[in-house]
Amino acid sequence: MASKLVVLCAALATFAGVSFASAEEAAAPAKLPNVVILCTGGTIAGSGATTTTTVGYTAAKIGCDTLVDSVPELKKVANVRGEQVYQIASESITNDNWLKLSKRINQLLAQDDVDGIVVTHGTDTIEETAYFLDLTVKSKKPVVVVGAMRPATAISADGPINLYNAVILAGSKEAVGKGVLVCLNDEINAGREVTKTNTSTTDTFRTPDLGMLGYMQDNQPHFYRASTRLNTTDTEFDVSGLDALPQVDIVYAYGNYNSIALDAFVKAGAKGIVHAGPGDGSVGAQMVKPLQDARAAGVVVVRSARVGSGIIARNGEQPDDKYDWVVSDDLNPQKARILLMLALTKTNDTKKIQEMFWKY
């Protein structure tokens, strides 16, 4: 009886000019997305002396294949394969590492058989790598950066569930066009906005003021907002032909600080300086002249703040127009450095660079 009903439905569909899936097609499982996991080291690939070692462990010890194979549940949610791009603790990240990673991601995402990318990464600089990729990846396909706060050998290691969630997110339609994402602790944050806020707890990643984008729950992403800043294919930055990035350094303000570090950076060839000031990007009176001198020597000066959140008011604490300085909007110093490096690959015009800080 059932087979006759299928034939009758097919006949009626043909008569009406409508195409229906066969019973076999309707019963077929959903096609799994193809997700490539690019491994770079970090705590998620770390190893401790005992199962209770959560500090003093060695990062970047476990290879990519072992890391992927340790979470067999991944194969139920995506067709996954791993690739070791490099193997380091992320405090040792370099500009060369960023360029290599971004170029490889762009190569992979240009392939029709790749639906998304997961990058396993150390948490110390995960926010910088995520923002660099947010500005330089040339695809709207999902890119998710993931890490862990406990080594793989620890009791209740957070790496496996973080990796599992990241793969689901990278293979989801919901993540398309959202920019580069950071996914840990069941939370989804924008690569541009997220920052590490605690030295050791698993809920360390936060987005001050603006809040996270959504949650991972029930094996699926739940988005509640999206970043409005331009990213990925909508930026002007293309690293495909770059072999190096301009030198940009950060000068950190504190009580009784002086120009020794600034002068050394300029002498060493810095093309840009990010001043991490207190409050609203304030500059100590003793540092105004040295920063003016740096600008006069052709160094682009960006005022940022060490406080962790908030917008830097242009012409607020300092007459930025008069001094030809740039303000970082709400980017913290380490992310302002990322954008300034990329901006300097396009122009030395401070007005154009300021526009980039408003856009990205």
Protein backbone atom coordinates (compact mmCIF):
# COMPACT_ATOMS: atom_id res chain seq x y z
CA MET A 1 0.00 0.00 0.00
CA ALA A 2 2.83 2.36 0.92
CA SER A 3 4.62 1.76 -2.40
CA LYS A 4 1.39 2.46 -4.33
CA LEU A 5 1.02 5.74 -2.40
CA VAL A 6 4.56 6.81 -3.34
CA VAL A 7 3.87 6.03 -7.03
CA LEU A 8 0.57 7.95 -6.91
CA CYS A 9 2.23 10.99 -5.30
CA ALA A 10 5.01 10.93 -7.90
CA ALA A 11 2.45 10.74 -10.71
CA LEU A 12 0.46 13.64 -9.31
CA ALA A 13 3.63 15.67 -8.83
CA THR A 14 4.65 15.07 -12.44
CA PHE A 15 1.23 16.13 -13.63
CA ALA A 16 1.40 19.31 -11.52
CA GLY A 17 4.95 20.11 -12.60
CA VAL A 18 6.28 19.82 -9.01
CA SER A 19 9.38 17.82 -8.02
CA PHE A 20 9.25 15.79 -4.79
CA ALA A 21 12.07 13.81 -3.17
CA SER A 22 11.76 10.05 -3.28
CA ALA A 23 11.13 8.08 -0.11
CA GLU A 24 14.79 7.00 -0.13
CA GLU A 25 16.00 10.59 -0.54
CA ALA A 26 13.71 11.82 2.22
CA ALA A 27 15.06 9.16 4.56
CA ALA A 28 18.72 9.95 3.74
CA PRO A 29 20.74 11.61 6.54
CA ALA A 30 21.59 15.30 6.21
CA LYS A 31 24.89 15.98 4.47
CA LEU A 32 27.63 16.83 6.96
CA PRO A 33 29.64 20.04 6.45
CA ASN A 34 33.33 19.83 5.59
CA VAL A 35 35.41 21.52 8.29
CA VAL A 36 39.20 21.80 8.32
CA ILE A 37 40.86 22.09 11.73
CA LEU A 38 44.08 24.09 11.61
CA CYS A 39 46.21 23.47 14.68
CA THR A 40 48.71 26.01 16.01
CA GLY A 41 49.50 24.70 19.49
CA GLY A 42 48.49 26.30 22.77
CA THR A 43 47.02 24.91 25.99
CA ILE A 44 44.36 22.96 24.10
CA ALA A 45 47.30 20.85 22.89
CA GLY A 46 49.09 21.03 26.23
CA SER A 47 50.29 18.31 28.57
CA GLY A 48 50.75 18.33 32.34
CA ALA A 49 52.75 16.16 34.70
CA THR A 50 49.58 14.82 36.35
CA THR A 51 45.82 14.87 35.76
CA THR A 52 45.53 17.65 38.35
CA THR A 53 48.17 19.88 36.76
CA THR A 54 46.32 22.97 35.53
CA VAL A 55 49.22 25.43 35.89
CA GLY A 56 52.86 24.82 35.11
CA TYR A 57 52.00 22.49 32.22
CA THR A 58 53.70 22.48 28.82
CA ALA A 59 51.68 23.99 25.99
CA ALA A 60 51.75 22.87 22.36
CA LYS A 61 52.83 19.25 22.95
CA ILE A 62 50.02 17.26 21.29
CA GLY A 63 49.95 17.01 17.50
CA CYS A 64 46.96 17.91 15.38
CA ASP A 65 45.97 14.36 14.39
CA THR A 66 46.03 13.22 18.01
CA LEU A 67 44.02 16.27 19.08
CA VAL A 68 41.33 15.65 16.48
CA ASP A 69 41.20 11.90 17.07
CA SER A 70 40.76 12.46 20.81
CA VAL A 71 37.26 13.83 20.15
CA PRO A 72 35.59 11.08 18.07
CA GLU A 73 32.24 12.87 18.37
CA LEU A 74 33.52 15.37 15.79
CA LYS A 75 32.86 12.84 13.03
CA LYS A 76 29.16 12.84 13.89
CA VAL A 77 28.76 16.59 13.24
CA ALA A 78 31.19 17.23 10.36
CA ASN A 79 33.63 15.71 7.92
CA VAL A 80 36.80 16.85 9.65
CA ARG A 81 40.47 16.73 8.89
CA GLY A 82 43.35 18.31 10.76
CA GLU A 83 46.43 20.17 9.61
CA GLN A 84 49.34 21.38 11.73
CA VAL A 85 50.16 24.93 10.63
CA TYR A 86 52.65 25.51 13.43
CA GLN A 87 53.06 24.32 17.01
CA ILE A 88 53.74 27.05 19.57
CA ALA A 89 52.54 28.53 22.84
CA SER A 90 50.63 31.61 21.72
CA GLU A 91 52.63 34.11 23.77
CA SER A 92 55.34 33.41 21.18
CA ILE A 93 53.14 34.36 18.20
CA THR A 94 54.82 36.44 15.49
CA ASN A 95 53.70 38.49 12.51
CA ASP A 96 55.03 35.72 10.28
CA ASN A 97 52.74 33.23 12.04
CA TRP A 98 49.72 35.45 11.38
CA LEU A 99 50.56 35.87 7.72
CA LYS A 100 51.10 32.13 7.24
CA LEU A 101 47.82 31.26 8.97
CA SER A 102 45.73 33.83 7.11
CA LYS A 103 47.11 32.79 3.73
CA ARG A 104 46.42 29.12 4.44
CA ILE A 105 42.85 29.86 5.53
CA ASN A 106 42.22 31.84 2.36
CA GLN A 107 43.57 28.98 0.25
CA LEU A 108 41.29 26.49 1.96
CA LEU A 109 38.15 28.62 1.94
CA ALA A 110 38.54 29.17 -1.81
CA GLN A 111 37.84 25.43 -2.25
CA ASP A 112 34.28 24.28 -2.85
CA ASP A 113 34.79 21.26 -0.60
CA VAL A 114 35.58 23.37 2.49
CA ASP A 115 32.61 24.84 4.36
CA GLY A 116 34.37 26.24 7.41
CA ILE A 117 37.61 26.50 9.36
CA VAL A 118 38.46 25.91 13.02
CA VAL A 119 41.76 27.25 14.36
CA THR A 120 43.02 25.72 17.61
CA HIS A 121 45.11 28.32 19.40
CA GLY A 122 46.68 29.31 22.68
CA THR A 123 44.48 31.65 24.71
CA ASP A 124 47.13 34.25 25.54
CA THR A 125 46.94 35.91 22.12
CA ILE A 126 43.78 34.33 20.74
CA GLU A 127 42.08 37.73 20.58
CA GLU A 128 44.87 39.20 18.46
CA THR A 129 44.94 36.31 16.01
CA ALA A 130 41.14 36.37 15.74
CA TYR A 131 41.13 40.10 14.95
CA PHE A 132 43.94 39.75 12.43
CA LEU A 133 41.98 37.02 10.65
CA ASP A 134 38.78 39.08 10.92
CA LEU A 135 40.52 41.78 8.87
CA THR A 136 42.36 39.56 6.37
CA VAL A 137 40.27 36.46 5.63
CA LYS A 138 38.61 36.88 2.22
CA SER A 139 35.55 34.68 2.61
CA LYS A 140 32.20 34.84 4.37
CA LYS A 141 32.50 31.16 5.28
CA PRO A 142 32.81 30.64 9.04
CA VAL A 143 36.19 30.83 10.74
CA VAL A 144 36.17 29.92 14.43
CA VAL A 145 39.18 30.29 16.72
CA VAL A 146 39.14 28.01 19.76
CA GLY A 147 41.38 27.22 22.71
CA ALA A 148 41.32 25.87 26.24
CA MET A 149 42.25 27.03 29.70
CA ARG A 150 43.20 23.56 30.92
CA PRO A 151 45.69 21.21 29.24
CA ALA A 152 44.41 18.11 27.48
CA THR A 153 45.73 15.87 30.26
CA ALA A 154 43.79 17.61 33.07
CA ILE A 155 40.69 16.40 34.89
CA SER A 156 37.69 18.14 33.28
CA ALA A 157 39.80 19.49 30.44
CA ASP A 158 37.75 22.09 28.56
CA GLY A 159 39.48 21.56 25.24
CA PRO A 160 37.38 18.65 23.91
CA ILE A 161 33.97 20.30 24.38
CA ASN A 162 35.32 23.63 23.13
CA LEU A 163 36.64 21.94 19.99
CA TYR A 164 33.37 20.06 19.49
CA ASN A 165 31.34 23.27 19.74
CA ALA A 166 33.75 25.11 17.45
CA VAL A 167 33.39 22.48 14.72
CA ILE A 168 29.59 22.65 14.92
CA LEU A 169 29.76 26.45 14.74
CA ALA A 170 32.20 26.44 11.80
CA GLY A 171 29.93 24.08 9.89
CA SER A 172 26.73 26.00 10.58
CA LYS A 173 24.81 28.28 8.23
CA GLU A 174 24.13 30.62 11.15
CA ALA A 175 27.82 31.56 11.40
CA VAL A 176 28.16 32.54 7.72
CA GLY A 177 28.98 36.23 7.34
CA LYS A 178 29.41 36.84 11.09
CA GLY A 179 33.13 37.56 10.85
CA VAL A 180 35.80 35.56 12.64
CA LEU A 181 34.42 34.10 15.87
CA VAL A 182 35.95 32.94 19.14
CA CYS A 183 34.16 30.03 20.83
CA LEU A 184 34.98 28.80 24.33
CA ASN A 185 32.97 27.94 27.44
CA ASP A 186 29.75 27.50 25.41
CA GLU A 187 29.89 31.17 24.41
CA ILE A 188 30.32 32.83 21.00
CA ASN A 189 32.19 36.12 20.80
CA ALA A 190 33.31 38.34 17.92
CA GLY A 191 37.01 38.19 17.16
CA ARG A 192 37.14 41.98 17.00
CA GLU A 193 35.56 42.50 20.40
CA VAL A 194 36.57 39.65 22.70
CA THR A 195 39.42 39.80 25.21
CA LYS A 196 40.96 37.56 27.86
CA THR A 197 40.00 38.86 31.30
CA ASN A 198 41.27 36.26 33.77
CA THR A 199 44.58 34.44 34.01
CA SER A 200 43.20 30.96 34.61
CA THR A 201 39.40 30.50 34.80
CA THR A 202 37.46 28.86 31.98
CA ASP A 203 35.11 31.85 31.64
CA THR A 204 38.00 34.20 30.97
CA PHE A 205 36.85 35.39 27.52
CA ARG A 206 34.51 38.37 27.64
CA THR A 207 33.35 41.23 25.46
CA PRO A 208 33.37 44.30 27.72
CA ASP A 209 30.39 46.63 27.35
CA LEU A 210 28.92 45.00 24.23
CA GLY A 211 28.56 41.40 25.39
CA MET A 212 28.87 38.09 23.58
CA LEU A 213 27.13 37.25 20.30
CA GLY A 214 25.43 34.10 21.53
CA TYR A 215 25.63 30.63 23.03
CA MET A 216 26.37 27.10 21.95
CA GLN A 217 23.61 24.91 23.33
CA ASP A 218 21.94 21.65 22.30
CA ASN A 219 24.64 21.13 19.64
CA GLN A 220 23.76 24.30 17.78
CA PRO A 221 24.57 28.01 17.81
CA HIS A 222 22.11 30.56 19.15
CA PHE A 223 22.93 34.09 18.00
CA TYR A 224 21.41 37.17 19.63
CA ARG A 225 23.41 39.92 17.96
CA ALA A 226 26.18 40.50 15.41
CA SER A 227 29.12 42.87 15.17
CA THR A 228 28.40 45.87 12.95
CA ARG A 229 32.02 46.57 12.01
CA LEU A 230 33.26 45.66 8.55
CA ASN A 231 35.16 42.39 8.36
CA THR A 232 36.60 39.71 6.04
CA THR A 233 35.55 40.34 2.41
CA ASP A 234 34.43 43.89 3.27
CA THR A 235 37.87 45.09 4.36
CA GLU A 236 40.56 46.54 2.14
CA PHE A 237 43.34 44.36 3.51
CA ASP A 238 44.85 41.58 1.40
CA VAL A 239 47.87 39.73 2.76
CA SER A 240 48.30 37.37 -0.19
CA GLY A 241 51.27 39.34 -1.50
CA LEU A 242 52.76 40.33 1.85
CA ASP A 243 55.89 38.73 3.26
CA ALA A 244 56.18 41.05 6.28
CA LEU A 245 54.21 43.61 8.26
CA PRO A 246 55.34 47.09 9.34
CA GLN A 247 56.85 47.36 12.81
CA VAL A 248 54.33 48.72 15.30
CA ASP A 249 55.02 48.79 19.04
CA ILE A 250 53.05 49.59 22.19
CA VAL A 251 54.13 52.11 24.82
CA TYR A 252 52.43 51.42 28.15
CA ALA A 253 51.66 54.36 30.44
CA TYR A 254 52.05 54.25 34.23
CA GLY A 255 52.90 56.65 37.03
CA ASN A 256 56.29 58.29 36.49
CA TYR A 257 56.82 56.74 33.04
CA ASN A 258 59.25 58.25 30.56
CA SER A 259 60.21 58.16 26.90
CA ILE A 260 62.95 55.53 27.13
CA ALA A 261 60.83 52.77 25.57
CA LEU A 262 59.32 55.10 22.97
CA ASP A 263 62.73 56.41 21.91
CA ALA A 264 64.07 52.86 21.63
CA PHE A 265 61.16 51.74 19.46
CA VAL A 266 61.55 54.72 17.14
CA LYS A 267 65.31 54.17 16.91
CA ALA A 268 64.68 50.49 16.12
CA GLY A 269 62.56 51.44 13.12
CA ALA A 270 58.97 51.53 14.36
CA LYS A 271 56.54 52.82 11.75
CA GLY A 272 53.75 53.13 14.27
CA ILE A 273 53.31 53.52 18.02
CA VAL A 274 50.23 52.67 20.06
CA HIS A 275 50.16 54.62 23.31
CA ALA A 276 48.29 52.61 25.97
CA GLY A 277 47.24 55.44 28.23
CA PRO A 278 45.30 55.49 31.49
CA GLY A 279 41.70 56.69 31.58
CA ASP A 280 40.49 58.02 28.24
CA GLY A 281 43.84 57.39 26.58
CA SER A 282 45.52 60.13 28.59
CA VAL A 283 49.13 61.08 27.88
CA GLY A 284 51.48 62.18 30.65
CA ALA A 285 52.72 65.76 30.29
CA GLN A 286 56.30 64.51 30.05
CA MET A 287 55.36 62.28 27.08
CA VAL A 288 53.55 64.77 24.86
CA LYS A 289 56.73 66.21 23.35
CA PRO A 290 58.40 62.82 22.73
CA LEU A 291 55.24 61.58 20.97
CA GLN A 292 55.12 64.79 18.92
CA ASP A 293 58.75 64.23 17.97
CA ALA A 294 57.97 60.67 16.94
CA ARG A 295 55.15 61.90 14.72
CA ALA A 296 57.42 64.55 13.22
CA ALA A 297 59.84 61.74 12.34
CA GLY A 298 57.08 60.02 10.36
CA VAL A 299 55.88 57.56 13.00
CA VAL A 300 52.08 57.21 13.18
CA VAL A 301 50.85 57.65 16.77
CA VAL A 302 47.62 56.02 17.96
CA ARG A 303 46.10 56.81 21.35
CA SER A 304 44.50 53.82 23.04
CA ALA A 305 43.68 52.97 26.67
CA ARG A 306 44.86 50.37 29.13
CA VAL A 307 41.51 50.28 31.00
CA GLY A 308 39.91 47.54 28.90
CA SER A 309 36.71 49.13 27.62
CA GLY A 310 35.23 52.34 26.29
CA ILE A 311 35.71 54.69 23.35
CA ILE A 312 38.71 57.01 23.07
CA ALA A 313 37.33 60.51 22.51
CA ARG A 314 39.12 62.19 19.63
CA ASN A 315 40.41 65.63 20.70
CA GLY A 316 39.33 64.75 24.23
CA GLU A 317 42.35 64.22 26.47
CA GLN A 318 44.69 65.53 23.77
CA PRO A 319 44.31 67.80 20.70
CA ASP A 320 44.65 64.94 18.22
CA ASP A 321 43.92 67.10 15.19
CA LYS A 322 46.68 69.51 16.17
CA TYR A 323 49.23 66.75 16.81
CA ASP A 324 48.13 64.63 13.82
CA TRP A 325 47.48 61.65 16.06
CA VAL A 326 44.96 58.84 15.60
CA VAL A 327 42.58 57.45 18.24
CA SER A 328 41.75 53.75 18.52
CA ASP A 329 37.95 54.04 18.96
CA ASP A 330 37.16 51.14 21.36
CA LEU A 331 40.05 48.85 20.36
CA ASN A 332 42.38 47.87 23.17
CA PRO A 333 46.12 48.48 22.61
CA GLN A 334 46.95 45.00 21.32
CA LYS A 335 44.13 45.11 18.77
CA ALA A 336 44.91 48.70 17.82
CA ARG A 337 48.39 47.46 16.97
CA ILE A 338 46.94 44.81 14.65
CA LEU A 339 44.85 47.34 12.74
CA LEU A 340 47.66 49.89 12.57
CA MET A 341 50.05 47.33 11.10
CA LEU A 342 47.57 46.47 8.37
CA ALA A 343 46.65 50.12 7.81
CA LEU A 344 50.31 50.96 7.22
CA THR A 345 50.45 48.42 4.42
CA LYS A 346 47.94 50.66 2.60
CA THR A 347 48.77 54.25 3.55
CA ASN A 348 50.68 56.63 5.84
CA ASP A 349 47.90 59.22 5.70
CA THR A 350 46.65 59.64 9.27
CA LYS A 351 43.23 60.86 8.15
CA LYS A 352 42.70 57.69 6.13
CA ILE A 353 44.04 55.59 9.00
CA GLN A 354 41.61 57.26 11.39
CA GLU A 355 38.76 56.36 9.06
CA MET A 356 39.90 52.74 9.20
CA PHE A 357 39.68 52.81 12.98
CA TRP A 358 36.08 54.06 12.71
CA LYS A 359 35.19 51.34 10.15
CA TYR A 360 36.96 48.24 11.44
